[in-house]
C-alpha atoms as a PDB file:
ATOM      1  CA  ALA A   1     -19.915  45.889  -9.452  1.00  0.00           C
ATOM      2  CA  PRO A   2     -22.874  46.063 -11.414  1.00  0.00           C
ATOM      3  CA  ARG A   3     -22.560  48.371 -14.580  1.00  0.00           C
ATOM      4  CA  VAL A   4     -25.516  51.636 -14.448  1.00  0.00           C
ATOM      5  CA  ASN A   5     -26.012  54.569 -15.985  1.00  0.00           C
ATOM      6  CA  VAL A   6     -25.488  58.127 -14.643  1.00  0.00           C
ATOM      7  CA  ILE A   7     -25.851  61.575 -15.338  1.00  0.00           C
ATOM      8  CA  ALA A   8     -23.105  63.993 -15.831  1.00  0.00           C
ATOM      9  CA  GLY A   9     -22.573  65.728 -12.393  1.00  0.00           C
ATOM     10  CA  VAL A  10     -23.172  63.351 -10.101  1.00  0.00           C
ATOM     11  CA  VAL A  11     -21.675  61.557  -7.671  1.00  0.00           C
ATOM     12  CA  VAL A  12     -20.753  57.612  -8.334  1.00  0.00           C
ATOM     13  CA  GLU A  13     -19.260  55.235  -5.867  1.00  0.00           C
ATOM     14  CA  VAL A  14     -16.827  54.012  -7.332  1.00  0.00           C
ATOM     15  CA  ALA A  15     -16.343  50.482  -5.761  1.00  0.00           C
ATOM     16  CA  THR A  16     -14.527  46.779  -5.450  1.00  0.00           C
ATOM     17  CA  GLU A  17     -15.199  44.181  -2.491  1.00  0.00           C
ATOM     18  CA  PRO A  18     -11.905  42.368  -2.132  1.00  0.00           C
ATOM     19  CA  ILE A  19     -11.724  38.631  -0.407  1.00  0.00           C
ATOM     20  CA  ASN A  20      -9.698  36.535   0.724  1.00  0.00           C
ATOM     21  CA  THR A  21      -9.530  33.252   0.089  1.00  0.00           C
ATOM     22  CA  SER A  22     -11.663  31.831   2.641  1.00  0.00           C
ATOM     23  CA  GLY A  23     -14.197  34.995   0.988  1.00  0.00           C
ATOM     24  CA  VAL A  24     -13.766  36.944   4.184  1.00  0.00           C
ATOM     25  CA  PHE A  25     -13.314  40.887   3.285  1.00  0.00           C
ATOM     26  CA  PHE A  26     -10.211  41.980   3.569  1.00  0.00           C
ATOM     27  CA  VAL A  27      -7.907  45.428   2.534  1.00  0.00           C
ATOM     28  CA  PRO A  28      -5.024  45.004   0.574  1.00  0.00           C
ATOM     29  CA  GLN A  29      -1.666  46.058   0.901  1.00  0.00           C
ATOM     30  CA  GLU A  30      -1.623  48.181  -1.889  1.00  0.00           C
ATOM     31  CA  THR A  31      -4.277  49.524  -4.494  1.00  0.00           C
ATOM     32  CA  ARG A  32      -4.786  51.400  -7.154  1.00  0.00           C
ATOM     33  CA  LEU A  33      -8.027  52.728  -9.078  1.00  0.00           C
ATOM     34  CA  SER A  34      -8.007  54.293 -12.708  1.00  0.00           C
ATOM     35  CA  ILE A  35     -10.287  55.628 -14.199  1.00  0.00           C
ATOM     36  CA  LYS A  36     -10.184  56.136 -18.157  1.00  0.00           C
ATOM     37  CA  GLU A  37     -13.263  59.536 -18.974  1.00  0.00           C
ATOM     38  CA  PRO A  38     -14.767  58.905 -22.207  1.00  0.00           C
ATOM     39  CA  ASP A  39     -12.430  61.953 -23.561  1.00  0.00           C
ATOM     40  CA  GLY A  40      -8.675  58.978 -22.426  1.00  0.00           C
ATOM     41  CA  ASN A  41      -7.961  60.824 -20.073  1.00  0.00           C
ATOM     42  CA  ILE A  42      -7.076  59.437 -17.685  1.00  0.00           C
ATOM     43  CA  VAL A  43      -8.121  59.328 -13.162  1.00  0.00           C
ATOM     44  CA  THR A  44      -5.611  57.962 -11.097  1.00  0.00           C
ATOM     45  CA  VAL A  45      -5.673  57.171  -6.973  1.00  0.00           C
ATOM     46  CA  SER A  46      -4.819  54.836  -4.682  1.00  0.00           C
ATOM     47  CA  GLY A  47      -4.375  54.173  -0.941  1.00  0.00           C
ATOM     48  CA  GLY A  48      -5.309  57.270   1.301  1.00  0.00           C
ATOM     49  CA  ASP A  49      -7.255  58.243  -0.965  1.00  0.00           C
ATOM     50  CA  LEU A  50      -9.953  55.097  -1.365  1.00  0.00           C
ATOM     51  CA  THR A  51     -12.764  55.134   2.035  1.00  0.00           C
ATOM     52  CA  VAL A  52     -12.239  51.371   3.600  1.00  0.00           C
ATOM     53  CA  ALA A  53     -16.744  50.794   4.226  1.00  0.00           C
ATOM     54  CA  SER A  54     -18.379  47.929   5.483  1.00  0.00           C
ATOM     55  CA  GLY A  55     -17.522  44.761   3.245  1.00  0.00           C
ATOM     56  CA  TYR A  56     -16.039  47.178   0.360  1.00  0.00           C
ATOM     57  CA  LEU A  57     -13.942  50.033  -0.381  1.00  0.00           C
ATOM     58  CA  TYR A  58     -14.573  52.893  -2.695  1.00  0.00           C
ATOM     59  CA  TYR A  59     -13.649  56.275  -4.551  1.00  0.00           C
ATOM     60  CA  LEU A  60     -17.095  59.149  -4.878  1.00  0.00           C
ATOM     61  CA  TYR A  61     -15.973  59.824  -8.685  1.00  0.00           C
ATOM     62  CA  LYS A  62     -17.944  62.633 -10.095  1.00  0.00           C
ATOM     63  CA  PRO A  63     -18.278  62.592 -14.368  1.00  0.00           C
ATOM     64  CA  VAL A  64     -18.034  65.616 -16.027  1.00  0.00           C
ATOM     65  CA  THR A  65     -18.286  64.449 -19.521  1.00  0.00           C
ATOM     66  CA  VAL A  66     -20.408  62.229 -20.932  1.00  0.00           C
ATOM     67  CA  GLY A  67     -20.128  59.026 -21.883  1.00  0.00           C
ATOM     68  CA  TRP A  68     -18.500  55.988 -21.706  1.00  0.00           C
ATOM     69  CA  VAL A  69     -16.158  56.175 -18.631  1.00  0.00           C
ATOM     70  CA  GLU A  70     -14.354  52.459 -17.568  1.00  0.00           C
ATOM     71  CA  TYR A  71     -12.259  52.035 -14.453  1.00  0.00           C
ATOM     72  CA  GLU A  72     -10.130  48.753 -13.215  1.00  0.00           C
ATOM     73  CA  TYR A  73      -9.190  48.310  -9.622  1.00  0.00           C
ATOM     74  CA  TRP A  74      -5.703  47.408  -9.216  1.00  0.00           C
ATOM     75  CA  ILE A  75      -5.216  44.569  -5.449  1.00  0.00           C
ATOM     76  CA  LYS A  76      -1.613  43.149  -3.939  1.00  0.00           C
ATOM     77  CA  GLU A  77      -1.268  41.786  -0.432  1.00  0.00           C
ATOM     78  CA  GLY A  78       2.064  39.404  -0.624  1.00  0.00           C
ATOM     79  CA  ASN A  79       2.450  38.373  -4.301  1.00  0.00           C
ATOM     80  CA  ARG A  80      -0.908  38.013  -5.030  1.00  0.00           C
ATOM     81  CA  GLU A  81      -2.370  40.457  -7.335  1.00  0.00           C
ATOM     82  CA  ASP A  82      -5.501  41.068  -8.442  1.00  0.00           C
ATOM     83  CA  ALA A  83      -7.452  43.604 -11.043  1.00  0.00           C
ATOM     84  CA  GLU A  84     -10.953  44.329 -12.021  1.00  0.00           C
ATOM     85  CA  THR A  85     -12.963  45.936 -14.597  1.00  0.00           C
ATOM     86  CA  ASN A  86     -15.711  47.592 -15.569  1.00  0.00           C
ATOM     87  CA  GLY A  87     -17.679  50.798 -16.874  1.00  0.00           C
ATOM     88  CA  PHE A  88     -21.140  52.753 -16.840  1.00  0.00           C
ATOM     89  CA  GLU A  89     -22.902  55.189 -19.221  1.00  0.00           C
ATOM     90  CA  VAL A  90     -22.857  58.972 -18.855  1.00  0.00           C
ATOM     91  CA  TYR A  91     -25.350  61.142 -20.554  1.00  0.00           C
ATOM     92  CA  ASP A  92     -26.369  64.665 -20.306  1.00  0.00           C
ATOM     93  CA  ARG A  93     -29.224  65.891 -18.194  1.00  0.00           C
ATOM     94  CA  VAL A  94     -32.091  64.733 -18.749  1.00  0.00           C
ATOM     95  CA  TYR A  95     -35.019  67.254 -17.917  1.00  0.00           C
END
């Protein structure tokens, strides 16, 4: 997922696209998303907290703190595991 800039208080779709060795989307047996907020607080969600869409998984997150937000998706299927880290900058409302 590309890095983007968002305004504090706006809902962000934090997404991942798990694909198998054939390049086809699948829903992993286990999935965890950890979001590190600018103040150091870590929000962790998994399983049913994530929404399955057409070709990807996502979580609706509403940042309230200005600064850099980093997130990591971790997935496990059988004995294979993978992780993806990304982030975005949260700005104060600008009028």
